[in-house]
Amino acid sequence: MIDSWRDAEAAPAPDRTARVRRYSPYVVIRVNLFVDGDSYTGIAGASYEAAGRLAYSLLLWPRPDRSPSGWYWYDPARMRRRIYPDAGIRP
């Protein structure tokens, strides 16, 4: 049986009032997560905060064309994140 407790929680796309931060190719935020019981590595293209939570727009590997890429709430208990280089982005 697949443990769904570790699956990432999907976040809604930001509304028009949200301040969206887009990342350049020189700042890479890698997030390891599970979606529907499968392990993925995601690269963040953007983020926003809402209600004290942080959401990332993630392009998921190993198959970006078939993976469930999209917006996910960041949860340090379920995900592992690495920021390259250390660009002063809040943890």
N, C-alpha and C. Protein backbone atom coordinates (compact mmCIF):
# COMPACT_ATOMS: atom_id res chain seq x y z
N MET A 1 0.84 -1.18 0.00
CA MET A 1 0.00 0.00 0.00
C MET A 1 0.89 1.24 0.00
N ILE A 2 0.55 2.22 -0.81
CA ILE A 2 1.32 3.44 -0.93
C ILE A 2 0.95 4.38 0.21
N ASP A 3 1.98 4.94 0.86
CA ASP A 3 1.74 5.91 1.93
C ASP A 3 1.51 7.28 1.32
N SER A 4 0.29 7.78 1.41
CA SER A 4 -0.02 9.08 0.81
C SER A 4 0.36 10.24 1.73
N TRP A 5 0.73 9.98 2.99
CA TRP A 5 1.07 11.06 3.90
C TRP A 5 2.27 11.85 3.41
N ARG A 6 3.14 11.23 2.65
CA ARG A 6 4.34 11.94 2.21
C ARG A 6 4.16 12.64 0.86
N ASP A 7 3.02 12.47 0.22
CA ASP A 7 2.77 13.14 -1.06
C ASP A 7 2.67 14.65 -0.87
N ALA A 8 3.22 15.38 -1.83
CA ALA A 8 3.15 16.84 -1.82
C ALA A 8 1.72 17.30 -2.02
N GLU A 9 1.40 18.43 -1.43
CA GLU A 9 0.06 19.00 -1.56
C GLU A 9 0.06 20.01 -2.71
N ALA A 10 -0.82 19.81 -3.67
CA ALA A 10 -0.92 20.73 -4.79
C ALA A 10 -1.42 22.08 -4.30
N ALA A 11 -0.88 23.14 -4.89
CA ALA A 11 -1.29 24.51 -4.56
C ALA A 11 -2.02 25.11 -5.76
N PRO A 12 -2.93 26.04 -5.51
CA PRO A 12 -3.59 26.68 -6.65
C PRO A 12 -2.62 27.64 -7.34
N ALA A 13 -2.87 27.91 -8.60
CA ALA A 13 -2.08 28.93 -9.29
C ALA A 13 -2.32 30.26 -8.58
N PRO A 14 -1.33 31.13 -8.56
CA PRO A 14 -1.50 32.40 -7.84
C PRO A 14 -2.58 33.28 -8.49
N ASP A 15 -3.28 34.02 -7.64
CA ASP A 15 -4.27 34.94 -8.19
C ASP A 15 -3.58 36.23 -8.62
N ARG A 16 -4.33 37.14 -9.16
CA ARG A 16 -3.74 38.37 -9.73
C ARG A 16 -3.12 39.27 -8.67
N THR A 17 -3.53 39.13 -7.42
CA THR A 17 -3.00 39.98 -6.36
C THR A 17 -1.72 39.42 -5.75
N ALA A 18 -1.40 38.17 -6.02
CA ALA A 18 -0.21 37.55 -5.43
C ALA A 18 1.07 38.10 -6.05
N ARG A 19 2.08 38.26 -5.23
CA ARG A 19 3.40 38.69 -5.71
C ARG A 19 4.19 37.43 -6.06
N VAL A 20 4.37 37.19 -7.34
CA VAL A 20 5.06 35.99 -7.82
C VAL A 20 6.53 36.33 -8.06
N ARG A 21 7.39 35.50 -7.49
CA ARG A 21 8.83 35.67 -7.69
C ARG A 21 9.27 34.66 -8.74
N ARG A 22 9.86 35.14 -9.82
CA ARG A 22 10.36 34.27 -10.88
C ARG A 22 11.87 34.12 -10.72
N TYR A 23 12.39 32.94 -10.97
CA TYR A 23 13.80 32.66 -10.78
C TYR A 23 14.53 32.65 -12.12
N SER A 24 15.74 33.20 -12.10
CA SER A 24 16.57 33.23 -13.31
C SER A 24 17.26 31.88 -13.46
N PRO A 25 17.84 31.62 -14.63
CA PRO A 25 18.58 30.36 -14.81
C PRO A 25 19.81 30.27 -13.92
N TYR A 26 20.19 31.38 -13.30
CA TYR A 26 21.38 31.40 -12.44
C TYR A 26 21.07 31.08 -10.99
N VAL A 27 19.80 31.02 -10.65
CA VAL A 27 19.37 30.61 -9.32
C VAL A 27 18.54 29.35 -9.48
N VAL A 28 19.04 28.25 -8.97
CA VAL A 28 18.35 26.97 -9.12
C VAL A 28 17.88 26.49 -7.76
N ILE A 29 16.59 26.25 -7.66
CA ILE A 29 16.01 25.68 -6.44
C ILE A 29 15.52 24.29 -6.80
N ARG A 30 16.16 23.30 -6.20
CA ARG A 30 15.80 21.90 -6.46
C ARG A 30 14.99 21.38 -5.27
N VAL A 31 13.89 20.73 -5.56
CA VAL A 31 13.02 20.18 -4.52
C VAL A 31 12.76 18.72 -4.83
N ASN A 32 13.04 17.85 -3.88
CA ASN A 32 12.72 16.42 -4.02
C ASN A 32 11.39 16.19 -3.32
N LEU A 33 10.46 15.53 -4.01
CA LEU A 33 9.12 15.33 -3.46
C LEU A 33 8.49 14.07 -4.02
N PHE A 34 7.36 13.69 -3.41
CA PHE A 34 6.55 12.57 -3.88
C PHE A 34 5.20 13.10 -4.34
N VAL A 35 4.72 12.58 -5.47
CA VAL A 35 3.39 12.89 -5.98
C VAL A 35 2.76 11.57 -6.38
N ASP A 36 1.60 11.27 -5.82
CA ASP A 36 0.90 10.00 -6.08
C ASP A 36 1.80 8.79 -5.84
N GLY A 37 2.65 8.88 -4.80
CA GLY A 37 3.52 7.77 -4.42
C GLY A 37 4.80 7.65 -5.24
N ASP A 38 4.98 8.47 -6.26
CA ASP A 38 6.19 8.42 -7.09
C ASP A 38 7.14 9.53 -6.70
N SER A 39 8.44 9.23 -6.73
CA SER A 39 9.47 10.19 -6.37
C SER A 39 9.84 11.05 -7.57
N TYR A 40 9.97 12.36 -7.34
CA TYR A 40 10.35 13.31 -8.39
C TYR A 40 11.39 14.28 -7.86
N THR A 41 12.14 14.85 -8.78
CA THR A 41 12.97 16.02 -8.50
C THR A 41 12.38 17.17 -9.28
N GLY A 42 12.12 18.26 -8.59
CA GLY A 42 11.52 19.42 -9.24
C GLY A 42 12.48 20.59 -9.26
N ILE A 43 12.40 21.39 -10.30
CA ILE A 43 13.15 22.63 -10.41
C ILE A 43 12.13 23.76 -10.40
N ALA A 44 12.33 24.71 -9.47
CA ALA A 44 11.38 25.81 -9.31
C ALA A 44 11.60 26.88 -10.36
N GLY A 45 10.52 27.30 -10.97
CA GLY A 45 10.57 28.40 -11.92
C GLY A 45 10.03 29.68 -11.32
N ALA A 46 9.21 29.53 -10.25
CA ALA A 46 8.60 30.68 -9.61
C ALA A 46 8.08 30.26 -8.23
N SER A 47 7.74 31.25 -7.42
CA SER A 47 7.13 30.98 -6.11
C SER A 47 6.24 32.14 -5.72
N TYR A 48 5.35 31.88 -4.77
CA TYR A 48 4.54 32.92 -4.16
C TYR A 48 4.18 32.50 -2.75
N GLU A 49 3.80 33.48 -1.93
CA GLU A 49 3.38 33.20 -0.57
C GLU A 49 1.92 33.58 -0.41
N ALA A 50 1.20 32.76 0.33
CA ALA A 50 -0.21 33.02 0.63
C ALA A 50 -0.54 32.40 1.97
N ALA A 51 -1.18 33.16 2.82
CA ALA A 51 -1.59 32.67 4.14
C ALA A 51 -0.42 32.06 4.91
N GLY A 52 0.76 32.67 4.78
CA GLY A 52 1.92 32.19 5.51
C GLY A 52 2.56 30.93 4.95
N ARG A 53 2.14 30.51 3.78
CA ARG A 53 2.70 29.31 3.15
C ARG A 53 3.41 29.70 1.86
N LEU A 54 4.40 28.89 1.49
CA LEU A 54 5.18 29.12 0.28
C LEU A 54 4.83 28.06 -0.76
N ALA A 55 4.53 28.50 -1.96
CA ALA A 55 4.23 27.58 -3.07
C ALA A 55 5.27 27.75 -4.16
N TYR A 56 5.68 26.63 -4.75
CA TYR A 56 6.62 26.64 -5.87
C TYR A 56 5.94 26.11 -7.13
N SER A 57 6.27 26.72 -8.26
CA SER A 57 5.91 26.17 -9.56
C SER A 57 7.06 25.25 -9.94
N LEU A 58 6.80 23.95 -9.98
CA LEU A 58 7.87 22.96 -10.18
C LEU A 58 7.73 22.22 -11.50
N LEU A 59 8.84 22.14 -12.22
CA LEU A 59 8.96 21.29 -13.40
C LEU A 59 9.58 20.00 -12.89
N LEU A 60 8.84 18.89 -13.00
CA LEU A 60 9.26 17.64 -12.37
C LEU A 60 9.96 16.70 -13.33
N TRP A 61 11.00 16.05 -12.82
CA TRP A 61 11.75 15.03 -13.54
C TRP A 61 11.48 13.70 -12.89
N PRO A 62 11.57 12.57 -13.53
CA PRO A 62 12.46 12.27 -14.65
C PRO A 62 11.85 12.51 -16.02
N ARG A 63 10.57 12.68 -16.17
CA ARG A 63 9.95 12.88 -17.48
C ARG A 63 9.10 14.14 -17.45
N PRO A 64 9.71 15.32 -17.68
CA PRO A 64 8.94 16.56 -17.59
C PRO A 64 7.72 16.59 -18.51
N ASP A 65 7.79 15.87 -19.62
CA ASP A 65 6.65 15.86 -20.55
C ASP A 65 5.49 15.02 -20.05
N ARG A 66 5.75 14.13 -19.08
CA ARG A 66 4.69 13.24 -18.56
C ARG A 66 4.49 13.35 -17.06
N SER A 67 5.31 14.14 -16.40
CA SER A 67 5.23 14.29 -14.94
C SER A 67 4.16 15.31 -14.56
N PRO A 68 3.65 15.21 -13.33
CA PRO A 68 2.61 16.14 -12.87
C PRO A 68 3.20 17.48 -12.41
N SER A 69 3.86 18.19 -13.33
CA SER A 69 4.43 19.49 -12.99
C SER A 69 3.32 20.47 -12.65
N GLY A 70 3.63 21.46 -11.81
CA GLY A 70 2.64 22.45 -11.42
C GLY A 70 3.01 23.13 -10.12
N TRP A 71 2.04 23.73 -9.48
CA TRP A 71 2.23 24.44 -8.21
C TRP A 71 2.06 23.48 -7.04
N TYR A 72 3.02 23.52 -6.10
CA TYR A 72 2.98 22.69 -4.90
C TYR A 72 3.35 23.52 -3.68
N TRP A 73 2.63 23.30 -2.57
CA TRP A 73 2.98 23.95 -1.31
C TRP A 73 4.26 23.33 -0.79
N TYR A 74 5.19 24.17 -0.35
CA TYR A 74 6.44 23.66 0.23
C TYR A 74 6.18 23.21 1.65
N ASP A 75 6.61 22.01 1.97
CA ASP A 75 6.46 21.43 3.31
C ASP A 75 7.78 20.74 3.66
N PRO A 76 8.57 21.32 4.58
CA PRO A 76 9.87 20.73 4.90
C PRO A 76 9.79 19.33 5.51
N ALA A 77 8.63 18.94 6.04
CA ALA A 77 8.47 17.59 6.59
C ALA A 77 8.32 16.55 5.48
N ARG A 78 7.88 16.97 4.29
CA ARG A 78 7.64 16.04 3.19
C ARG A 78 8.63 16.20 2.05
N MET A 79 9.35 17.31 2.02
CA MET A 79 10.21 17.62 0.87
C MET A 79 11.62 17.96 1.33
N ARG A 80 12.55 17.83 0.41
CA ARG A 80 13.92 18.27 0.63
C ARG A 80 14.23 19.31 -0.42
N ARG A 81 14.81 20.44 0.03
CA ARG A 81 15.07 21.54 -0.88
C ARG A 81 16.55 21.93 -0.82
N ARG A 82 17.09 22.30 -1.97
CA ARG A 82 18.47 22.78 -2.07
C ARG A 82 18.49 23.98 -2.99
N ILE A 83 19.16 25.04 -2.57
CA ILE A 83 19.22 26.28 -3.35
C ILE A 83 20.65 26.47 -3.84
N TYR A 84 20.81 26.63 -5.16
CA TYR A 84 22.13 26.84 -5.77
C TYR A 84 22.13 28.15 -6.54
N PRO A 85 23.09 28.98 -6.52
CA PRO A 85 24.01 29.12 -5.38
C PRO A 85 23.26 29.77 -4.22
N ASP A 86 23.91 29.93 -3.10
CA ASP A 86 23.27 30.57 -1.97
C ASP A 86 23.08 32.04 -2.33
N ALA A 87 21.90 32.38 -2.78
CA ALA A 87 21.62 33.72 -3.31
C ALA A 87 20.83 34.57 -2.32
N GLY A 88 20.83 34.19 -1.06
CA GLY A 88 20.10 34.97 -0.08
C GLY A 88 18.61 34.72 -0.09
N ILE A 89 18.17 33.67 -0.75
CA ILE A 89 16.76 33.32 -0.78
C ILE A 89 16.42 32.70 0.58
N ARG A 90 15.29 33.13 1.14
CA ARG A 90 14.95 32.63 2.48
C ARG A 90 14.72 31.13 2.46
N PRO A 91 15.17 30.46 3.52
CA PRO A 91 15.01 28.99 3.56
C PRO A 91 13.58 28.52 3.68
